Structures are given as structure tokens and as C-alpha cells.
Amino acid sequence: MDRTQKAEAVEWIGNVFDSNAVVVVANGGLTVSEMESLRGELRKAGANMKIVKNRLAKIAISGKPSEKLSDLFQGPTAIAFSEDPVAAAKAVKDYAKDNDKLKILGGAMGEEILDVNGVNALASMPSREELLASIVMTITSPAANIAGAIGAPASNIAGILETLEKREAA
């Protein structure tokens, strides 16, 4: 890797930490097929993963709020990242449940530094799509209740008239 490639890598890593939710993982011992499986799960969730050079990652985050994570970059490390703050954390946590070779070390979300427990808490939150669906249901629920309330008196009147008609016939 020459100087320009290193400079580009440092800039890219810095941009990832600035604009995404990032999970730092120790991936020592993962086979190529396990790593491809993990990347596939991340892609399904709308996230990505990149193995980074520790020295370049430390340079990229120096002077930034995520600089506190520089101690995590030791040994084989990778970063999982996504625009949706929950997607990368959820996919990595789910994969780590089944594969003990993958260890979550910590992460960052904006200026917030997350330890392992913070990443796990983030992973347990609903995704962006789930939150949007919940908001839509909350907004449309009163409209459905109003429609039901408006339609209910008419059905009640019809039922009463039917009962009265049956009584007169009897």
C-alpha cells in the first residue's frame, strides 16, 4: 500500500466514523466462508463490513469524538457500519450469538461512544423501518377508531329496527 492509498484509506475510515453508526469487532479466527457469511448477513440488514489496518484506523479517528475507540484497534479488527444506527449492531450481534470467534469490542454512533453493552442495547432497539411502521400505525389508529364510531350508530339503529320488526311480526 503506497502513501496515496494509505491517505485515501485514512480519509475513508474517518468519513465512515463521521457519518455512520460503527461497530468495532475482533474477527480473529473467522474462516473466509464465515466472513463471507457475516458480510452477507450485514448486506441483508443494509450494513457493510470492512477489515481495517489498525494503524490507519487510529490515525483516521484521532482528533475526533471516536478517538476513544483507538484502544480497540489491536489484533485482527474490522468495522461494521450502516446508515441506520441499529442495522450493523443488530446483524453483528445476531451473528456473534452463533459464532464465538466474532467478538464485539465497542462502537460509535455519531459522537456517542459505545462499549459492548451499549452496542448490545443498540442492537435490541427497533430498526428504522419498524419505528416508521409503528408511527404510521399510531397515526392511522385514531382515524380507524373515528370511522368505526361513525359507522357504529348506524349498525345499532339497524339492529334495533330489525328487533322491533321481529316483535311486531310475532
N, C-alpha and C. Protein backbone atom coordinates (compact mmCIF):
# COMPACT_ATOMS: atom_id res chain seq x y z
N MET A 1 0.86 -1.17 0.00
CA MET A 1 0.00 0.00 0.00
C MET A 1 0.90 1.23 0.00
N ASP A 2 0.78 2.08 -1.01
CA ASP A 2 1.63 3.27 -1.07
C ASP A 2 0.98 4.43 -0.29
N ARG A 3 1.67 5.54 -0.24
CA ARG A 3 1.20 6.67 0.57
C ARG A 3 -0.17 7.18 0.16
N THR A 4 -0.42 7.29 -1.12
CA THR A 4 -1.71 7.81 -1.56
C THR A 4 -2.85 6.86 -1.20
N GLN A 5 -2.60 5.56 -1.30
CA GLN A 5 -3.62 4.58 -0.90
C GLN A 5 -3.88 4.66 0.60
N LYS A 6 -2.82 4.83 1.37
CA LYS A 6 -2.98 4.97 2.83
C LYS A 6 -3.76 6.23 3.16
N ALA A 7 -3.45 7.33 2.47
CA ALA A 7 -4.16 8.59 2.72
C ALA A 7 -5.64 8.45 2.37
N GLU A 8 -5.94 7.76 1.27
CA GLU A 8 -7.33 7.53 0.88
C GLU A 8 -8.04 6.65 1.91
N ALA A 9 -7.34 5.63 2.39
CA ALA A 9 -7.93 4.74 3.40
C ALA A 9 -8.22 5.49 4.69
N VAL A 10 -7.30 6.33 5.11
CA VAL A 10 -7.50 7.13 6.34
C VAL A 10 -8.70 8.05 6.17
N GLU A 11 -8.80 8.69 5.02
CA GLU A 11 -9.92 9.60 4.77
C GLU A 11 -11.24 8.82 4.76
N TRP A 12 -11.25 7.65 4.11
CA TRP A 12 -12.46 6.84 4.04
C TRP A 12 -12.90 6.39 5.43
N ILE A 13 -11.96 5.90 6.22
CA ILE A 13 -12.30 5.43 7.58
C ILE A 13 -12.83 6.60 8.41
N GLY A 14 -12.21 7.75 8.29
CA GLY A 14 -12.68 8.93 9.01
C GLY A 14 -14.10 9.30 8.61
N ASN A 15 -14.41 9.23 7.31
CA ASN A 15 -15.76 9.53 6.84
C ASN A 15 -16.77 8.52 7.36
N VAL A 16 -16.37 7.25 7.43
CA VAL A 16 -17.28 6.22 7.95
C VAL A 16 -17.63 6.52 9.41
N PHE A 17 -16.64 6.88 10.20
CA PHE A 17 -16.91 7.17 11.61
C PHE A 17 -17.71 8.46 11.77
N ASP A 18 -17.59 9.39 10.83
CA ASP A 18 -18.33 10.65 10.92
C ASP A 18 -19.79 10.50 10.54
N SER A 19 -20.09 9.63 9.60
CA SER A 19 -21.44 9.62 9.03
C SER A 19 -22.25 8.36 9.29
N ASN A 20 -21.72 7.40 10.01
CA ASN A 20 -22.43 6.14 10.20
C ASN A 20 -22.36 5.68 11.66
N ALA A 21 -23.24 4.75 11.98
CA ALA A 21 -23.10 4.01 13.23
C ALA A 21 -22.07 2.91 12.95
N VAL A 22 -21.07 2.79 13.82
CA VAL A 22 -19.96 1.88 13.57
C VAL A 22 -19.82 0.92 14.75
N VAL A 23 -19.61 -0.36 14.43
CA VAL A 23 -19.35 -1.37 15.44
C VAL A 23 -17.95 -1.93 15.16
N VAL A 24 -17.09 -1.92 16.17
CA VAL A 24 -15.74 -2.46 16.03
C VAL A 24 -15.76 -3.88 16.55
N VAL A 25 -15.28 -4.82 15.72
CA VAL A 25 -15.29 -6.23 16.10
C VAL A 25 -13.90 -6.83 15.95
N ALA A 26 -13.61 -7.82 16.79
CA ALA A 26 -12.40 -8.63 16.65
C ALA A 26 -12.81 -9.85 15.85
N ASN A 27 -12.19 -10.02 14.71
CA ASN A 27 -12.60 -11.11 13.83
C ASN A 27 -11.53 -12.19 13.71
N GLY A 28 -10.67 -12.29 14.69
CA GLY A 28 -9.61 -13.30 14.65
C GLY A 28 -10.18 -14.70 14.67
N GLY A 29 -9.71 -15.54 13.77
CA GLY A 29 -10.14 -16.92 13.75
C GLY A 29 -11.29 -17.22 12.81
N LEU A 30 -11.92 -16.19 12.25
CA LEU A 30 -13.01 -16.45 11.31
C LEU A 30 -12.44 -16.97 10.00
N THR A 31 -13.05 -17.99 9.48
CA THR A 31 -12.62 -18.50 8.17
C THR A 31 -13.16 -17.58 7.08
N VAL A 32 -12.68 -17.77 5.88
CA VAL A 32 -13.13 -16.96 4.76
C VAL A 32 -14.63 -17.15 4.54
N SER A 33 -15.09 -18.39 4.63
CA SER A 33 -16.52 -18.64 4.41
C SER A 33 -17.37 -18.02 5.52
N GLU A 34 -16.88 -18.05 6.76
CA GLU A 34 -17.61 -17.41 7.86
C GLU A 34 -17.65 -15.90 7.67
N MET A 35 -16.55 -15.33 7.21
CA MET A 35 -16.51 -13.89 6.97
C MET A 35 -17.47 -13.50 5.84
N GLU A 36 -17.53 -14.31 4.80
CA GLU A 36 -18.46 -14.04 3.69
C GLU A 36 -19.90 -14.19 4.17
N SER A 37 -20.15 -15.16 5.03
CA SER A 37 -21.49 -15.33 5.59
C SER A 37 -21.89 -14.11 6.42
N LEU A 38 -20.96 -13.62 7.23
CA LEU A 38 -21.22 -12.43 8.03
C LEU A 38 -21.49 -11.23 7.14
N ARG A 39 -20.69 -11.06 6.11
CA ARG A 39 -20.89 -9.94 5.19
C ARG A 39 -22.25 -10.05 4.50
N GLY A 40 -22.67 -11.26 4.17
CA GLY A 40 -23.98 -11.47 3.56
C GLY A 40 -25.10 -11.06 4.50
N GLU A 41 -24.97 -11.43 5.78
CA GLU A 41 -25.98 -11.05 6.77
C GLU A 41 -26.03 -9.53 6.94
N LEU A 42 -24.85 -8.91 6.93
CA LEU A 42 -24.80 -7.45 7.05
C LEU A 42 -25.45 -6.79 5.84
N ARG A 43 -25.18 -7.30 4.64
CA ARG A 43 -25.79 -6.72 3.44
C ARG A 43 -27.31 -6.82 3.49
N LYS A 44 -27.83 -7.98 3.95
CA LYS A 44 -29.28 -8.15 4.08
C LYS A 44 -29.88 -7.10 5.00
N ALA A 45 -29.12 -6.72 6.04
CA ALA A 45 -29.60 -5.74 7.01
C ALA A 45 -29.35 -4.30 6.56
N GLY A 46 -28.67 -4.13 5.43
CA GLY A 46 -28.38 -2.77 4.96
C GLY A 46 -27.10 -2.21 5.55
N ALA A 47 -26.19 -3.09 5.93
CA ALA A 47 -24.93 -2.67 6.55
C ALA A 47 -23.76 -3.25 5.76
N ASN A 48 -22.57 -2.82 6.09
CA ASN A 48 -21.35 -3.30 5.44
C ASN A 48 -20.29 -3.58 6.49
N MET A 49 -19.23 -4.27 6.05
CA MET A 49 -18.10 -4.54 6.93
C MET A 49 -16.81 -4.38 6.15
N LYS A 50 -15.82 -3.85 6.82
CA LYS A 50 -14.51 -3.67 6.19
C LYS A 50 -13.44 -4.00 7.22
N ILE A 51 -12.48 -4.82 6.81
CA ILE A 51 -11.32 -5.08 7.66
C ILE A 51 -10.40 -3.87 7.49
N VAL A 52 -9.96 -3.32 8.60
CA VAL A 52 -9.14 -2.11 8.55
C VAL A 52 -7.78 -2.37 9.17
N LYS A 53 -6.82 -1.62 8.69
CA LYS A 53 -5.49 -1.65 9.30
C LYS A 53 -5.58 -0.81 10.57
N ASN A 54 -5.13 -1.39 11.66
CA ASN A 54 -5.26 -0.73 12.95
C ASN A 54 -4.59 0.64 12.98
N ARG A 55 -3.41 0.73 12.46
CA ARG A 55 -2.67 1.99 12.47
C ARG A 55 -3.42 3.07 11.69
N LEU A 56 -3.97 2.70 10.53
CA LEU A 56 -4.71 3.67 9.72
C LEU A 56 -6.01 4.08 10.41
N ALA A 57 -6.67 3.15 11.08
CA ALA A 57 -7.90 3.47 11.80
C ALA A 57 -7.61 4.44 12.95
N LYS A 58 -6.52 4.22 13.66
CA LYS A 58 -6.15 5.11 14.76
C LYS A 58 -5.85 6.51 14.24
N ILE A 59 -5.18 6.59 13.09
CA ILE A 59 -4.89 7.90 12.50
C ILE A 59 -6.19 8.57 12.06
N ALA A 60 -7.10 7.80 11.48
CA ALA A 60 -8.34 8.35 10.95
C ALA A 60 -9.23 8.93 12.04
N ILE A 61 -9.23 8.33 13.22
CA ILE A 61 -10.13 8.81 14.28
C ILE A 61 -9.46 9.74 15.27
N SER A 62 -8.17 9.99 15.10
CA SER A 62 -7.50 10.89 16.03
C SER A 62 -8.07 12.30 15.87
N GLY A 63 -8.33 12.93 16.99
CA GLY A 63 -8.89 14.27 16.99
C GLY A 63 -10.39 14.31 16.82
N LYS A 64 -11.03 13.16 16.75
CA LYS A 64 -12.48 13.09 16.59
C LYS A 64 -13.09 12.52 17.88
N PRO A 65 -14.40 12.68 18.05
CA PRO A 65 -15.03 12.12 19.26
C PRO A 65 -14.81 10.61 19.40
N SER A 66 -14.68 9.92 18.29
CA SER A 66 -14.50 8.46 18.35
C SER A 66 -13.05 8.06 18.64
N GLU A 67 -12.20 9.02 18.94
CA GLU A 67 -10.79 8.73 19.23
C GLU A 67 -10.64 7.80 20.44
N LYS A 68 -11.63 7.82 21.32
CA LYS A 68 -11.58 6.95 22.50
C LYS A 68 -11.60 5.47 22.13
N LEU A 69 -11.99 5.17 20.90
CA LEU A 69 -12.03 3.78 20.44
C LEU A 69 -10.67 3.27 19.98
N SER A 70 -9.67 4.12 19.93
CA SER A 70 -8.38 3.72 19.35
C SER A 70 -7.75 2.54 20.09
N ASP A 71 -8.05 2.36 21.36
CA ASP A 71 -7.52 1.22 22.11
C ASP A 71 -8.09 -0.12 21.62
N LEU A 72 -9.24 -0.07 20.94
CA LEU A 72 -9.87 -1.29 20.45
C LEU A 72 -9.18 -1.86 19.22
N PHE A 73 -8.42 -1.03 18.53
CA PHE A 73 -7.78 -1.47 17.29
C PHE A 73 -6.46 -2.16 17.59
N GLN A 74 -6.58 -3.42 18.00
CA GLN A 74 -5.42 -4.27 18.26
C GLN A 74 -5.77 -5.66 17.75
N GLY A 75 -4.86 -6.27 17.06
CA GLY A 75 -5.12 -7.59 16.50
C GLY A 75 -6.02 -7.47 15.28
N PRO A 76 -6.56 -8.59 14.83
CA PRO A 76 -7.43 -8.56 13.65
C PRO A 76 -8.75 -7.86 13.97
N THR A 77 -8.97 -6.69 13.41
CA THR A 77 -10.19 -5.95 13.67
C THR A 77 -10.87 -5.55 12.37
N ALA A 78 -12.16 -5.35 12.48
CA ALA A 78 -12.96 -4.90 11.35
C ALA A 78 -14.00 -3.93 11.89
N ILE A 79 -14.55 -3.14 10.98
CA ILE A 79 -15.63 -2.25 11.37
C ILE A 79 -16.87 -2.61 10.56
N ALA A 80 -17.99 -2.68 11.25
CA ALA A 80 -19.29 -2.87 10.61
C ALA A 80 -20.00 -1.53 10.72
N PHE A 81 -20.61 -1.08 9.63
CA PHE A 81 -21.21 0.24 9.63
C PHE A 81 -22.48 0.26 8.80
N SER A 82 -23.35 1.21 9.14
CA SER A 82 -24.61 1.36 8.41
C SER A 82 -25.15 2.76 8.64
N GLU A 83 -25.97 3.21 7.71
CA GLU A 83 -26.65 4.50 7.87
C GLU A 83 -27.68 4.40 8.99
N ASP A 84 -28.43 3.30 9.00
CA ASP A 84 -29.39 3.03 10.07
C ASP A 84 -28.60 2.66 11.31
N PRO A 85 -28.71 3.41 12.38
CA PRO A 85 -27.88 3.15 13.56
C PRO A 85 -28.01 1.74 14.13
N VAL A 86 -29.13 1.09 13.90
CA VAL A 86 -29.39 -0.20 14.51
C VAL A 86 -28.92 -1.37 13.64
N ALA A 87 -28.92 -1.21 12.34
CA ALA A 87 -28.71 -2.33 11.42
C ALA A 87 -27.40 -3.07 11.64
N ALA A 88 -26.29 -2.35 11.67
CA ALA A 88 -24.98 -3.01 11.82
C ALA A 88 -24.88 -3.70 13.18
N ALA A 89 -25.31 -3.02 14.22
CA ALA A 89 -25.22 -3.59 15.57
C ALA A 89 -26.07 -4.85 15.69
N LYS A 90 -27.27 -4.81 15.13
CA LYS A 90 -28.17 -5.96 15.21
C LYS A 90 -27.62 -7.16 14.43
N ALA A 91 -27.11 -6.91 13.22
CA ALA A 91 -26.58 -8.00 12.40
C ALA A 91 -25.34 -8.63 13.03
N VAL A 92 -24.46 -7.80 13.57
CA VAL A 92 -23.24 -8.32 14.20
C VAL A 92 -23.59 -9.10 15.46
N LYS A 93 -24.51 -8.57 16.26
CA LYS A 93 -24.90 -9.27 17.49
C LYS A 93 -25.53 -10.62 17.17
N ASP A 94 -26.41 -10.65 16.17
CA ASP A 94 -27.05 -11.91 15.79
C ASP A 94 -26.02 -12.93 15.31
N TYR A 95 -25.05 -12.47 14.53
CA TYR A 95 -24.03 -13.39 14.02
C TYR A 95 -23.12 -13.87 15.16
N ALA A 96 -22.79 -12.98 16.08
CA ALA A 96 -21.90 -13.33 17.20
C ALA A 96 -22.54 -14.34 18.15
N LYS A 97 -23.88 -14.40 18.18
CA LYS A 97 -24.57 -15.39 19.01
C LYS A 97 -24.21 -16.80 18.58
N ASP A 98 -24.12 -17.00 17.26
CA ASP A 98 -23.88 -18.33 16.71
C ASP A 98 -22.40 -18.63 16.48
N ASN A 99 -21.55 -17.61 16.50
CA ASN A 99 -20.14 -17.81 16.21
C ASN A 99 -19.30 -17.09 17.27
N ASP A 100 -18.70 -17.86 18.16
CA ASP A 100 -17.96 -17.24 19.26
C ASP A 100 -16.59 -16.70 18.86
N LYS A 101 -16.21 -16.88 17.60
CA LYS A 101 -14.94 -16.31 17.13
C LYS A 101 -15.05 -14.81 16.89
N LEU A 102 -16.28 -14.33 16.69
CA LEU A 102 -16.50 -12.91 16.46
C LEU A 102 -16.81 -12.24 17.80
N LYS A 103 -16.03 -11.26 18.15
CA LYS A 103 -16.22 -10.55 19.43
C LYS A 103 -16.52 -9.08 19.16
N ILE A 104 -17.58 -8.59 19.76
CA ILE A 104 -17.91 -7.17 19.67
C ILE A 104 -17.03 -6.44 20.68
N LEU A 105 -16.31 -5.43 20.21
CA LEU A 105 -15.41 -4.68 21.08
C LEU A 105 -16.00 -3.36 21.55
N GLY A 106 -16.81 -2.74 20.72
CA GLY A 106 -17.40 -1.44 21.04
C GLY A 106 -17.90 -0.80 19.77
N GLY A 107 -18.18 0.49 19.85
CA GLY A 107 -18.66 1.18 18.67
C GLY A 107 -18.86 2.65 18.90
N ALA A 108 -19.38 3.29 17.88
CA ALA A 108 -19.66 4.72 17.95
C ALA A 108 -20.92 5.00 17.14
N MET A 109 -21.68 5.94 17.64
CA MET A 109 -22.87 6.40 16.93
C MET A 109 -22.86 7.91 17.03
N GLY A 110 -22.42 8.55 15.95
CA GLY A 110 -22.24 9.99 15.99
C GLY A 110 -21.11 10.31 16.95
N GLU A 111 -21.38 11.14 17.93
CA GLU A 111 -20.37 11.48 18.92
C GLU A 111 -20.43 10.59 20.15
N GLU A 112 -21.38 9.68 20.18
CA GLU A 112 -21.57 8.78 21.31
C GLU A 112 -20.67 7.55 21.17
N ILE A 113 -19.86 7.28 22.19
CA ILE A 113 -19.00 6.10 22.22
C ILE A 113 -19.76 4.99 22.94
N LEU A 114 -19.74 3.80 22.36
CA LEU A 114 -20.47 2.67 22.92
C LEU A 114 -19.51 1.56 23.33
N ASP A 115 -19.73 1.02 24.52
CA ASP A 115 -18.98 -0.17 24.91
C ASP A 115 -19.78 -1.39 24.42
N VAL A 116 -19.37 -2.57 24.82
CA VAL A 116 -20.06 -3.79 24.37
C VAL A 116 -21.53 -3.75 24.79
N ASN A 117 -21.81 -3.34 26.01
CA ASN A 117 -23.19 -3.27 26.48
C ASN A 117 -23.99 -2.24 25.69
N GLY A 118 -23.35 -1.14 25.33
CA GLY A 118 -24.01 -0.11 24.53
C GLY A 118 -24.37 -0.62 23.14
N VAL A 119 -23.46 -1.37 22.53
CA VAL A 119 -23.74 -1.96 21.22
C VAL A 119 -24.88 -2.97 21.33
N ASN A 120 -24.88 -3.78 22.38
CA ASN A 120 -25.96 -4.75 22.58
C ASN A 120 -27.30 -4.05 22.80
N ALA A 121 -27.28 -2.95 23.56
CA ALA A 121 -28.51 -2.19 23.78
C ALA A 121 -29.00 -1.58 22.47
N LEU A 122 -28.07 -1.07 21.67
CA LEU A 122 -28.43 -0.50 20.38
C LEU A 122 -29.03 -1.58 19.47
N ALA A 123 -28.46 -2.78 19.52
CA ALA A 123 -28.95 -3.88 18.69
C ALA A 123 -30.36 -4.32 19.09
N SER A 124 -30.73 -4.11 20.34
CA SER A 124 -32.06 -4.53 20.79
C SER A 124 -33.14 -3.51 20.47
N MET A 125 -32.75 -2.34 19.98
CA MET A 125 -33.73 -1.32 19.63
C MET A 125 -34.40 -1.69 18.30
N PRO A 126 -35.61 -1.20 18.06
CA PRO A 126 -36.25 -1.47 16.77
C PRO A 126 -35.52 -0.73 15.65
N SER A 127 -35.56 -1.31 14.46
CA SER A 127 -34.90 -0.69 13.31
C SER A 127 -35.69 0.52 12.84
N ARG A 128 -35.12 1.24 11.92
CA ARG A 128 -35.77 2.44 11.37
C ARG A 128 -37.12 2.08 10.75
N GLU A 129 -37.16 0.99 9.99
CA GLU A 129 -38.40 0.57 9.34
C GLU A 129 -39.47 0.20 10.37
N GLU A 130 -39.05 -0.48 11.43
CA GLU A 130 -40.00 -0.86 12.48
C GLU A 130 -40.55 0.38 13.18
N LEU A 131 -39.69 1.37 13.42
CA LEU A 131 -40.16 2.61 14.05
C LEU A 131 -41.13 3.36 13.14
N LEU A 132 -40.82 3.42 11.84
CA LEU A 132 -41.72 4.09 10.91
C LEU A 132 -43.07 3.39 10.85
N ALA A 133 -43.08 2.06 10.84
CA ALA A 133 -44.34 1.31 10.83
C ALA A 133 -45.14 1.59 12.10
N SER A 134 -44.46 1.68 13.22
CA SER A 134 -45.12 1.97 14.48
C SER A 134 -45.74 3.37 14.47
N ILE A 135 -45.03 4.32 13.91
CA ILE A 135 -45.55 5.70 13.83
C ILE A 135 -46.77 5.75 12.93
N VAL A 136 -46.70 5.07 11.79
CA VAL A 136 -47.84 5.05 10.87
C VAL A 136 -49.05 4.42 11.54
N MET A 137 -48.85 3.33 12.27
CA MET A 137 -49.97 2.69 12.98
C MET A 137 -50.56 3.62 14.02
N THR A 138 -49.71 4.36 14.72
CA THR A 138 -50.18 5.29 15.74
C THR A 138 -51.00 6.41 15.11
N ILE A 139 -50.55 6.88 13.96
CA ILE A 139 -51.25 7.98 13.30
C ILE A 139 -52.57 7.50 12.70
N THR A 140 -52.58 6.33 12.09
CA THR A 140 -53.80 5.85 11.41
C THR A 140 -54.80 5.24 12.37
N SER A 141 -54.39 4.84 13.55
CA SER A 141 -55.29 4.20 14.51
C SER A 141 -56.46 5.11 14.90
N PRO A 142 -56.24 6.39 15.24
CA PRO A 142 -57.38 7.25 15.58
C PRO A 142 -58.37 7.40 14.42
N ALA A 143 -57.86 7.45 13.20
CA ALA A 143 -58.76 7.57 12.04
C ALA A 143 -59.64 6.33 11.94
N ALA A 144 -59.09 5.17 12.16
CA ALA A 144 -59.87 3.94 12.12
C ALA A 144 -60.91 3.92 13.23
N ASN A 145 -60.53 4.41 14.41
CA ASN A 145 -61.47 4.47 15.53
C ASN A 145 -62.63 5.42 15.23
N ILE A 146 -62.32 6.55 14.59
CA ILE A 146 -63.37 7.51 14.25
C ILE A 146 -64.32 6.90 13.23
N ALA A 147 -63.76 6.24 12.22
CA ALA A 147 -64.60 5.60 11.21
C ALA A 147 -65.50 4.55 11.85
N GLY A 148 -64.97 3.79 12.80
CA GLY A 148 -65.76 2.79 13.49
C GLY A 148 -66.85 3.42 14.34
N ALA A 149 -66.54 4.54 15.00
CA ALA A 149 -67.52 5.22 15.84
C ALA A 149 -68.64 5.81 15.00
N ILE A 150 -68.30 6.33 13.84
CA ILE A 150 -69.32 6.92 12.96
C ILE A 150 -70.22 5.82 12.40
N GLY A 151 -69.64 4.70 12.04
CA GLY A 151 -70.42 3.61 11.46
C GLY A 151 -71.21 2.83 12.50
N ALA A 152 -70.79 2.85 13.75
CA ALA A 152 -71.44 2.06 14.80
C ALA A 152 -72.89 2.46 15.05
N PRO A 153 -73.22 3.74 15.21
CA PRO A 153 -74.62 4.08 15.48
C PRO A 153 -75.57 3.60 14.37
N ALA A 154 -75.13 3.67 13.13
CA ALA A 154 -76.00 3.21 12.04
C ALA A 154 -76.27 1.71 12.16
N SER A 155 -75.25 0.94 12.49
CA SER A 155 -75.46 -0.50 12.64
C SER A 155 -76.32 -0.80 13.86
N ASN A 156 -76.18 0.00 14.92
CA ASN A 156 -77.01 -0.18 16.11
C ASN A 156 -78.47 0.12 15.79
N ILE A 157 -78.70 1.18 15.04
CA ILE A 157 -80.08 1.54 14.67
C ILE A 157 -80.68 0.44 13.82
N ALA A 158 -79.90 -0.07 12.88
CA ALA A 158 -80.40 -1.15 12.02
C ALA A 158 -80.75 -2.37 12.86
N GLY A 159 -79.94 -2.70 13.83
CA GLY A 159 -80.22 -3.84 14.70
C GLY A 159 -81.48 -3.64 15.52
N ILE A 160 -81.67 -2.42 16.02
CA ILE A 160 -82.87 -2.11 16.82
C ILE A 160 -84.11 -2.21 15.95
N LEU A 161 -84.04 -1.66 14.74
CA LEU A 161 -85.19 -1.72 13.83
C LEU A 161 -85.53 -3.17 13.49
N GLU A 162 -84.51 -3.99 13.29
CA GLU A 162 -84.74 -5.40 12.97
C GLU A 162 -85.42 -6.10 14.13
N THR A 163 -85.00 -5.79 15.36
CA THR A 163 -85.60 -6.40 16.54
C THR A 163 -87.06 -5.97 16.68
N LEU A 164 -87.32 -4.68 16.47
CA LEU A 164 -88.70 -4.19 16.56
C LEU A 164 -89.58 -4.84 15.50
N GLU A 165 -89.05 -5.04 14.31
CA GLU A 165 -89.80 -5.66 13.22
C GLU A 165 -90.15 -7.11 13.57
N LYS A 166 -89.22 -7.81 14.20
CA LYS A 166 -89.47 -9.20 14.59
C LYS A 166 -90.56 -9.25 15.67
N ARG A 167 -90.58 -8.26 16.57
CA ARG A 167 -91.57 -8.25 17.65
C ARG A 167 -92.97 -8.01 17.08
N GLU A 168 -93.06 -7.10 16.12
CA GLU A 168 -94.36 -6.81 15.54
C GLU A 168 -94.88 -8.00 14.75
N ALA A 169 -93.97 -8.73 14.13
CA ALA A 169 -94.38 -9.90 13.34
C ALA A 169 -94.84 -11.02 14.26
N ALA A 170 -94.35 -11.07 15.47
CA ALA A 170 -94.68 -12.17 16.37
C ALA A 170 -95.95 -11.94 17.10
